[in-house]
Amino acid sequence: MARAAPSRRTYTLLQIQRATLAEEQGMAEYRVFQGKETTQIDEHTTRPAEAESWYYEPSDYEGAVLYSPPFATQDEADTAAAMEFQEAE
C-alpha cells in the first residue's frame, strides 16, 4: 500500500489558533514562523532561511522563496505582518 507523501508544511497549534482568530475577527490571515520551520530560501541570496530569525507570509502562500525579510524577534515579525495586511484591507 502506497503511503501518502508528507505535507510540505506543518503548522503548530499556535499558528492554527492565530489563523482561526484572524478569520473570526475578519483580519487578514498571515502566519509568523521561525526560519528553522521552513525549507524556503531567500530570493536574493538563494540561501535557506536563517534558523533563528522570524518571518511572515499570507496563510495561503505556498511559494518556494521567503515572503518577508528576516526579523530578530517574533513580535517584530508579527507587527510588520499586521501593518502590511492592515494596509491591504
N, C-alpha and C. Protein backbone atom coordinates (compact mmCIF):
# COMPACT_ATOMS: atom_id res chain seq x y z
N MET A 1 0.84 -1.17 0.00
CA MET A 1 0.00 0.00 0.00
C MET A 1 0.89 1.24 0.00
N ALA A 2 0.63 2.15 -0.90
CA ALA A 2 1.43 3.37 -1.01
C ALA A 2 1.09 4.33 0.12
N ARG A 3 2.13 4.97 0.63
CA ARG A 3 1.94 5.95 1.70
C ARG A 3 1.78 7.33 1.09
N ALA A 4 0.97 8.12 1.70
CA ALA A 4 0.78 9.49 1.23
C ALA A 4 2.06 10.28 1.46
N ALA A 5 2.38 11.14 0.51
CA ALA A 5 3.56 11.99 0.65
C ALA A 5 3.34 12.94 1.82
N PRO A 6 4.39 13.22 2.59
CA PRO A 6 4.22 14.14 3.70
C PRO A 6 3.87 15.54 3.20
N SER A 7 3.10 16.22 3.96
CA SER A 7 2.71 17.59 3.62
C SER A 7 3.95 18.46 3.58
N ARG A 8 3.95 19.43 2.69
CA ARG A 8 5.09 20.33 2.57
C ARG A 8 5.25 21.19 3.81
N ARG A 9 4.19 21.47 4.48
CA ARG A 9 4.22 22.33 5.65
C ARG A 9 3.52 21.67 6.81
N THR A 10 4.02 21.96 7.96
CA THR A 10 3.31 21.58 9.17
C THR A 10 3.08 22.85 9.96
N TYR A 11 1.98 22.91 10.67
CA TYR A 11 1.63 24.10 11.43
C TYR A 11 1.52 23.74 12.90
N THR A 12 1.97 24.64 13.73
CA THR A 12 1.85 24.43 15.17
C THR A 12 0.43 24.80 15.59
N LEU A 13 0.03 24.35 16.74
CA LEU A 13 -1.29 24.68 17.26
C LEU A 13 -1.45 26.19 17.38
N LEU A 14 -0.41 26.90 17.81
CA LEU A 14 -0.48 28.35 17.95
C LEU A 14 -0.74 29.01 16.60
N GLN A 15 -0.09 28.54 15.54
CA GLN A 15 -0.30 29.10 14.21
C GLN A 15 -1.73 28.87 13.74
N ILE A 16 -2.26 27.71 14.01
CA ILE A 16 -3.65 27.41 13.64
C ILE A 16 -4.60 28.29 14.42
N GLN A 17 -4.33 28.47 15.72
CA GLN A 17 -5.19 29.33 16.55
C GLN A 17 -5.15 30.77 16.06
N ARG A 18 -3.96 31.25 15.68
CA ARG A 18 -3.85 32.63 15.17
C ARG A 18 -4.65 32.78 13.89
N ALA A 19 -4.55 31.82 12.98
CA ALA A 19 -5.28 31.89 11.72
C ALA A 19 -6.78 31.86 11.97
N THR A 20 -7.21 31.02 12.91
CA THR A 20 -8.63 30.93 13.24
C THR A 20 -9.11 32.24 13.85
N LEU A 21 -8.34 32.79 14.76
CA LEU A 21 -8.71 34.06 15.39
C LEU A 21 -8.77 35.16 14.34
N ALA A 22 -7.80 35.20 13.44
CA ALA A 22 -7.79 36.22 12.38
C ALA A 22 -9.03 36.10 11.52
N GLU A 23 -9.40 34.87 11.19
CA GLU A 23 -10.59 34.65 10.37
C GLU A 23 -11.85 35.09 11.11
N GLU A 24 -11.95 34.73 12.39
CA GLU A 24 -13.13 35.10 13.18
C GLU A 24 -13.26 36.61 13.33
N GLN A 25 -12.13 37.30 13.42
CA GLN A 25 -12.15 38.74 13.61
C GLN A 25 -12.16 39.49 12.28
N GLY A 26 -12.15 38.76 11.18
CA GLY A 26 -12.18 39.39 9.87
C GLY A 26 -10.86 40.05 9.49
N MET A 27 -9.79 39.67 10.14
CA MET A 27 -8.48 40.25 9.86
C MET A 27 -7.84 39.48 8.71
N ALA A 28 -6.86 40.12 8.06
CA ALA A 28 -6.10 39.42 7.03
C ALA A 28 -5.38 38.25 7.68
N GLU A 29 -5.34 37.16 6.99
CA GLU A 29 -4.69 35.98 7.55
C GLU A 29 -3.24 35.93 7.14
N TYR A 30 -2.39 35.74 8.12
CA TYR A 30 -0.97 35.54 7.88
C TYR A 30 -0.43 34.63 8.96
N ARG A 31 0.76 34.10 8.70
CA ARG A 31 1.39 33.29 9.73
C ARG A 31 2.79 33.80 9.98
N VAL A 32 3.23 33.70 11.20
CA VAL A 32 4.57 34.09 11.61
C VAL A 32 5.27 32.81 12.02
N PHE A 33 6.49 32.63 11.54
CA PHE A 33 7.20 31.39 11.82
C PHE A 33 8.70 31.65 11.92
N GLN A 34 9.40 30.71 12.53
CA GLN A 34 10.84 30.80 12.66
C GLN A 34 11.50 30.10 11.47
N GLY A 35 12.65 30.59 11.07
CA GLY A 35 13.34 30.06 9.89
C GLY A 35 13.57 28.56 9.93
N LYS A 36 13.77 28.01 11.11
CA LYS A 36 14.02 26.57 11.21
C LYS A 36 12.77 25.73 10.90
N GLU A 37 11.62 26.40 10.74
CA GLU A 37 10.37 25.70 10.46
C GLU A 37 10.05 25.61 8.96
N THR A 38 10.98 26.05 8.10
CA THR A 38 10.69 26.08 6.68
C THR A 38 11.88 25.64 5.84
N THR A 39 11.61 25.26 4.63
CA THR A 39 12.67 24.93 3.67
C THR A 39 12.78 26.02 2.60
N GLN A 40 12.03 27.11 2.78
CA GLN A 40 12.06 28.20 1.81
C GLN A 40 13.44 28.86 1.79
N ILE A 41 13.75 29.50 0.67
CA ILE A 41 15.03 30.17 0.53
C ILE A 41 14.85 31.67 0.34
N ASP A 42 15.92 32.40 0.59
CA ASP A 42 15.93 33.84 0.34
C ASP A 42 16.06 34.04 -1.17
N GLU A 43 15.18 34.84 -1.72
CA GLU A 43 15.14 35.04 -3.17
C GLU A 43 16.43 35.67 -3.71
N HIS A 44 17.05 36.54 -2.94
CA HIS A 44 18.22 37.27 -3.43
C HIS A 44 19.53 36.50 -3.24
N THR A 45 19.65 35.78 -2.13
CA THR A 45 20.90 35.08 -1.85
C THR A 45 20.83 33.59 -2.19
N THR A 46 19.64 33.07 -2.39
CA THR A 46 19.35 31.64 -2.59
C THR A 46 19.81 30.78 -1.42
N ARG A 47 19.98 31.39 -0.27
CA ARG A 47 20.34 30.65 0.94
C ARG A 47 19.07 30.29 1.70
N PRO A 48 19.15 29.23 2.50
CA PRO A 48 17.99 28.86 3.33
C PRO A 48 17.66 29.97 4.33
N ALA A 49 16.45 29.92 4.85
CA ALA A 49 16.04 30.87 5.89
C ALA A 49 16.99 30.77 7.07
N GLU A 50 17.22 31.90 7.72
CA GLU A 50 18.05 31.91 8.92
C GLU A 50 17.29 31.22 10.04
N ALA A 51 17.85 30.18 10.61
CA ALA A 51 17.14 29.31 11.56
C ALA A 51 16.52 30.06 12.73
N GLU A 52 17.21 31.03 13.29
CA GLU A 52 16.72 31.71 14.49
C GLU A 52 15.93 32.99 14.18
N SER A 53 15.86 33.38 12.92
CA SER A 53 15.11 34.58 12.54
C SER A 53 13.63 34.25 12.39
N TRP A 54 12.82 35.31 12.41
CA TRP A 54 11.38 35.17 12.28
C TRP A 54 10.92 35.77 10.96
N TYR A 55 9.91 35.16 10.35
CA TYR A 55 9.38 35.58 9.05
C TYR A 55 7.86 35.57 9.11
N TYR A 56 7.23 36.18 8.11
CA TYR A 56 5.78 36.09 7.99
C TYR A 56 5.41 35.90 6.54
N GLU A 57 4.20 35.43 6.34
CA GLU A 57 3.67 35.25 4.99
C GLU A 57 2.15 35.11 5.09
N PRO A 58 1.44 35.35 3.98
CA PRO A 58 -0.01 35.10 3.99
C PRO A 58 -0.24 33.62 4.29
N SER A 59 -1.31 33.32 4.97
CA SER A 59 -1.54 31.93 5.37
C SER A 59 -1.71 30.99 4.19
N ASP A 60 -2.10 31.53 3.03
CA ASP A 60 -2.27 30.66 1.86
C ASP A 60 -1.08 30.70 0.91
N TYR A 61 0.03 31.32 1.33
CA TYR A 61 1.23 31.41 0.49
C TYR A 61 1.92 30.06 0.41
N GLU A 62 2.27 29.65 -0.77
CA GLU A 62 2.94 28.35 -0.96
C GLU A 62 4.20 28.48 -1.79
N GLY A 63 4.78 29.66 -1.84
CA GLY A 63 5.98 29.88 -2.64
C GLY A 63 7.21 29.19 -2.07
N ALA A 64 8.18 28.99 -2.94
CA ALA A 64 9.44 28.36 -2.53
C ALA A 64 10.43 29.36 -1.95
N VAL A 65 10.13 30.65 -2.12
CA VAL A 65 11.00 31.69 -1.57
C VAL A 65 10.30 32.38 -0.41
N LEU A 66 11.10 32.94 0.48
CA LEU A 66 10.55 33.62 1.65
C LEU A 66 9.76 34.85 1.23
N TYR A 67 8.65 35.07 1.85
CA TYR A 67 7.78 36.20 1.54
C TYR A 67 8.31 37.48 2.18
N SER A 68 8.82 37.39 3.40
CA SER A 68 9.25 38.58 4.14
C SER A 68 10.75 38.54 4.40
N PRO A 69 11.31 39.68 4.78
CA PRO A 69 12.71 39.68 5.23
C PRO A 69 12.77 39.05 6.63
N PRO A 70 13.96 38.72 7.09
CA PRO A 70 14.08 38.16 8.45
C PRO A 70 13.91 39.24 9.52
N PHE A 71 13.36 38.83 10.66
CA PHE A 71 13.20 39.71 11.81
C PHE A 71 13.87 39.05 13.01
N ALA A 72 14.38 39.87 13.92
CA ALA A 72 15.09 39.35 15.09
C ALA A 72 14.17 38.69 16.10
N THR A 73 12.94 39.18 16.20
CA THR A 73 12.01 38.63 17.19
C THR A 73 10.67 38.31 16.56
N GLN A 74 9.93 37.47 17.22
CA GLN A 74 8.59 37.10 16.77
C GLN A 74 7.68 38.32 16.79
N ASP A 75 7.82 39.16 17.82
CA ASP A 75 6.99 40.36 17.92
C ASP A 75 7.23 41.32 16.75
N GLU A 76 8.49 41.48 16.34
CA GLU A 76 8.80 42.35 15.21
C GLU A 76 8.16 41.82 13.93
N ALA A 77 8.25 40.52 13.70
CA ALA A 77 7.65 39.91 12.51
C ALA A 77 6.13 40.05 12.54
N ASP A 78 5.55 39.83 13.70
CA ASP A 78 4.09 39.93 13.84
C ASP A 78 3.62 41.37 13.61
N THR A 79 4.35 42.33 14.14
CA THR A 79 4.00 43.74 13.95
C THR A 79 4.10 44.13 12.48
N ALA A 80 5.17 43.72 11.81
CA ALA A 80 5.34 44.05 10.39
C ALA A 80 4.24 43.41 9.55
N ALA A 81 3.90 42.17 9.85
CA ALA A 81 2.83 41.49 9.12
C ALA A 81 1.49 42.19 9.35
N ALA A 82 1.22 42.53 10.58
CA ALA A 82 -0.05 43.20 10.90
C ALA A 82 -0.15 44.53 10.16
N MET A 83 0.96 45.26 10.09
CA MET A 83 0.96 46.54 9.39
C MET A 83 0.74 46.33 7.89
N GLU A 84 1.41 45.36 7.31
CA GLU A 84 1.25 45.11 5.87
C GLU A 84 -0.17 44.67 5.52
N PHE A 85 -0.70 43.76 6.27
CA PHE A 85 -2.01 43.22 5.94
C PHE A 85 -3.15 44.18 6.33
N GLN A 86 -2.92 45.02 7.30
CA GLN A 86 -3.92 46.02 7.66
C GLN A 86 -4.02 47.06 6.55
N GLU A 87 -2.88 47.43 5.96
CA GLU A 87 -2.87 48.41 4.87
C GLU A 87 -3.54 47.84 3.63
N ALA A 88 -3.48 46.52 3.46
CA ALA A 88 -4.05 45.88 2.27
C ALA A 88 -5.57 45.86 2.29
N GLU A 89 -6.17 46.04 3.45
CA GLU A 89 -7.63 45.98 3.55
C GLU A 89 -8.29 47.21 3.02
